[in-house]
Amino acid sequence: MADRISSRRGLTNSFFLTLNMTMTIVIVITSMASKITSESGIFIPAVALLLMCGECFL
């Protein structure tokens, strides 16, 4: 029983690690590829942070 719980926890951790890294890479590539104004320079990371915090409640 403990092995299954540990395995499930490891799988969940790797899923969220992959999801967070993918979101971070997409945001970095998007921000480097486009000219970011000062307003969107703060808005994009703030939205990304909220999304990453929000996935904790899934």
N, C-alpha and C. Protein backbone atom coordinates (compact mmCIF):
# COMPACT_ATOMS: atom_id res chain seq x y z
N MET A 1 0.82 -1.19 0.00
CA MET A 1 0.00 0.00 0.00
C MET A 1 0.87 1.26 0.00
N ALA A 2 1.89 1.27 0.83
CA ALA A 2 2.76 2.45 0.90
C ALA A 2 3.52 2.62 -0.41
N ASP A 3 3.85 1.52 -1.07
CA ASP A 3 4.55 1.61 -2.35
C ASP A 3 3.68 2.27 -3.41
N ARG A 4 2.40 1.95 -3.41
CA ARG A 4 1.50 2.56 -4.40
C ARG A 4 1.33 4.05 -4.14
N ILE A 5 1.23 4.44 -2.88
CA ILE A 5 1.08 5.85 -2.54
C ILE A 5 2.34 6.60 -2.91
N SER A 6 3.49 6.03 -2.60
CA SER A 6 4.75 6.66 -2.94
C SER A 6 4.93 6.78 -4.44
N SER A 7 4.53 5.76 -5.17
CA SER A 7 4.63 5.78 -6.62
C SER A 7 3.70 6.84 -7.20
N ARG A 8 2.50 6.92 -6.68
CA ARG A 8 1.54 7.92 -7.17
C ARG A 8 2.03 9.33 -6.86
N ARG A 9 2.62 9.53 -5.70
CA ARG A 9 3.15 10.84 -5.33
C ARG A 9 4.31 11.23 -6.24
N GLY A 10 5.16 10.28 -6.56
CA GLY A 10 6.27 10.56 -7.47
C GLY A 10 5.80 10.90 -8.87
N LEU A 11 4.78 10.20 -9.33
CA LEU A 11 4.21 10.48 -10.65
C LEU A 11 3.57 11.87 -10.69
N THR A 12 2.87 12.23 -9.64
CA THR A 12 2.25 13.55 -9.57
C THR A 12 3.30 14.65 -9.52
N ASN A 13 4.36 14.44 -8.75
CA ASN A 13 5.43 15.43 -8.67
C ASN A 13 6.11 15.62 -10.02
N SER A 14 6.36 14.54 -10.73
CA SER A 14 7.01 14.68 -12.04
C SER A 14 6.08 15.35 -13.04
N PHE A 15 4.78 15.10 -12.95
CA PHE A 15 3.82 15.77 -13.83
C PHE A 15 3.84 17.27 -13.61
N PHE A 16 3.76 17.72 -12.35
CA PHE A 16 3.73 19.15 -12.08
C PHE A 16 5.07 19.80 -12.36
N LEU A 17 6.17 19.10 -12.16
CA LEU A 17 7.47 19.64 -12.52
C LEU A 17 7.54 19.87 -14.02
N THR A 18 7.07 18.92 -14.80
CA THR A 18 7.05 19.06 -16.25
C THR A 18 6.14 20.21 -16.67
N LEU A 19 4.98 20.31 -16.06
CA LEU A 19 4.04 21.38 -16.38
C LEU A 19 4.63 22.75 -16.06
N ASN A 20 5.25 22.90 -14.90
CA ASN A 20 5.85 24.18 -14.52
C ASN A 20 7.01 24.56 -15.43
N MET A 21 7.86 23.60 -15.76
CA MET A 21 8.98 23.90 -16.64
C MET A 21 8.50 24.27 -18.04
N THR A 22 7.46 23.59 -18.54
CA THR A 22 6.92 23.92 -19.85
C THR A 22 6.36 25.33 -19.86
N MET A 23 5.62 25.69 -18.82
CA MET A 23 5.06 27.04 -18.74
C MET A 23 6.18 28.08 -18.67
N THR A 24 7.20 27.81 -17.90
CA THR A 24 8.31 28.75 -17.77
C THR A 24 9.04 28.92 -19.09
N ILE A 25 9.30 27.83 -19.80
CA ILE A 25 10.00 27.91 -21.08
C ILE A 25 9.17 28.67 -22.10
N VAL A 26 7.88 28.42 -22.15
CA VAL A 26 7.01 29.13 -23.10
C VAL A 26 7.00 30.63 -22.79
N ILE A 27 6.93 30.98 -21.54
CA ILE A 27 6.91 32.40 -21.17
C ILE A 27 8.23 33.07 -21.52
N VAL A 28 9.34 32.41 -21.26
CA VAL A 28 10.65 32.99 -21.57
C VAL A 28 10.82 33.15 -23.08
N ILE A 29 10.47 32.13 -23.84
CA ILE A 29 10.61 32.22 -25.30
C ILE A 29 9.69 33.29 -25.86
N THR A 30 8.47 33.38 -25.36
CA THR A 30 7.53 34.39 -25.83
C THR A 30 8.02 35.79 -25.50
N SER A 31 8.54 35.97 -24.31
CA SER A 31 9.01 37.30 -23.93
C SER A 31 10.28 37.68 -24.67
N MET A 32 11.11 36.73 -25.04
CA MET A 32 12.31 37.04 -25.80
C MET A 32 12.00 37.30 -27.26
N ALA A 33 10.97 36.63 -27.78
CA ALA A 33 10.66 36.75 -29.20
C ALA A 33 9.90 38.02 -29.53
N SER A 34 9.19 38.56 -28.57
CA SER A 34 8.39 39.75 -28.86
C SER A 34 8.92 40.93 -28.06
N LYS A 35 8.66 42.08 -28.57
CA LYS A 35 9.02 43.29 -27.83
C LYS A 35 8.00 43.49 -26.72
N ILE A 36 8.48 43.53 -25.52
CA ILE A 36 7.58 43.66 -24.38
C ILE A 36 7.62 45.11 -23.90
N THR A 37 6.45 45.70 -23.79
CA THR A 37 6.36 47.05 -23.22
C THR A 37 6.43 46.94 -21.70
N SER A 38 6.54 48.05 -21.06
CA SER A 38 6.68 48.03 -19.60
C SER A 38 5.43 47.48 -18.92
N GLU A 39 4.25 47.73 -19.52
CA GLU A 39 3.02 47.22 -18.91
C GLU A 39 2.94 45.70 -19.01
N SER A 40 3.21 45.16 -20.18
CA SER A 40 3.11 43.71 -20.33
C SER A 40 4.32 43.00 -19.72
N GLY A 41 5.38 43.73 -19.48
CA GLY A 41 6.55 43.15 -18.83
C GLY A 41 6.26 42.70 -17.41
N ILE A 42 5.31 43.34 -16.78
CA ILE A 42 4.90 42.96 -15.43
C ILE A 42 3.70 42.01 -15.49
N PHE A 43 2.84 42.22 -16.47
CA PHE A 43 1.60 41.45 -16.57
C PHE A 43 1.85 39.98 -16.88
N ILE A 44 2.72 39.68 -17.81
CA ILE A 44 2.96 38.29 -18.23
C ILE A 44 3.52 37.44 -17.09
N PRO A 45 4.57 37.87 -16.39
CA PRO A 45 5.04 37.06 -15.25
C PRO A 45 4.02 36.94 -14.12
N ALA A 46 3.21 37.99 -13.93
CA ALA A 46 2.19 37.92 -12.87
C ALA A 46 1.14 36.87 -13.20
N VAL A 47 0.71 36.82 -14.45
CA VAL A 47 -0.27 35.82 -14.87
C VAL A 47 0.33 34.42 -14.74
N ALA A 48 1.59 34.28 -15.15
CA ALA A 48 2.25 32.98 -15.04
C ALA A 48 2.35 32.53 -13.58
N LEU A 49 2.67 33.45 -12.69
CA LEU A 49 2.76 33.12 -11.27
C LEU A 49 1.41 32.70 -10.72
N LEU A 50 0.36 33.41 -11.12
CA LEU A 50 -0.98 33.04 -10.67
C LEU A 50 -1.39 31.67 -11.19
N LEU A 51 -1.04 31.35 -12.44
CA LEU A 51 -1.35 30.03 -12.98
C LEU A 51 -0.61 28.93 -12.23
N MET A 52 0.66 29.17 -11.93
CA MET A 52 1.45 28.17 -11.21
C MET A 52 0.92 27.98 -9.79
N CYS A 53 0.49 29.07 -9.15
CA CYS A 53 -0.09 28.94 -7.81
C CYS A 53 -1.47 28.27 -7.87
N GLY A 54 -2.22 28.57 -8.92
CA GLY A 54 -3.54 28.01 -9.06
C GLY A 54 -3.55 26.52 -9.29
N GLU A 55 -2.50 26.01 -9.90
CA GLU A 55 -2.47 24.56 -10.15
C GLU A 55 -2.26 23.76 -8.88
N CYS A 56 -1.90 24.42 -7.80
CA CYS A 56 -1.78 23.71 -6.52
C CYS A 56 -3.14 23.27 -6.00
N PHE A 57 -4.21 23.90 -6.48
CA PHE A 57 -5.55 23.58 -6.02
C PHE A 57 -6.24 22.57 -6.91
N LEU A 58 -5.55 22.05 -7.92
CA LEU A 58 -6.16 21.03 -8.79
C LEU A 58 -6.29 19.72 -8.08
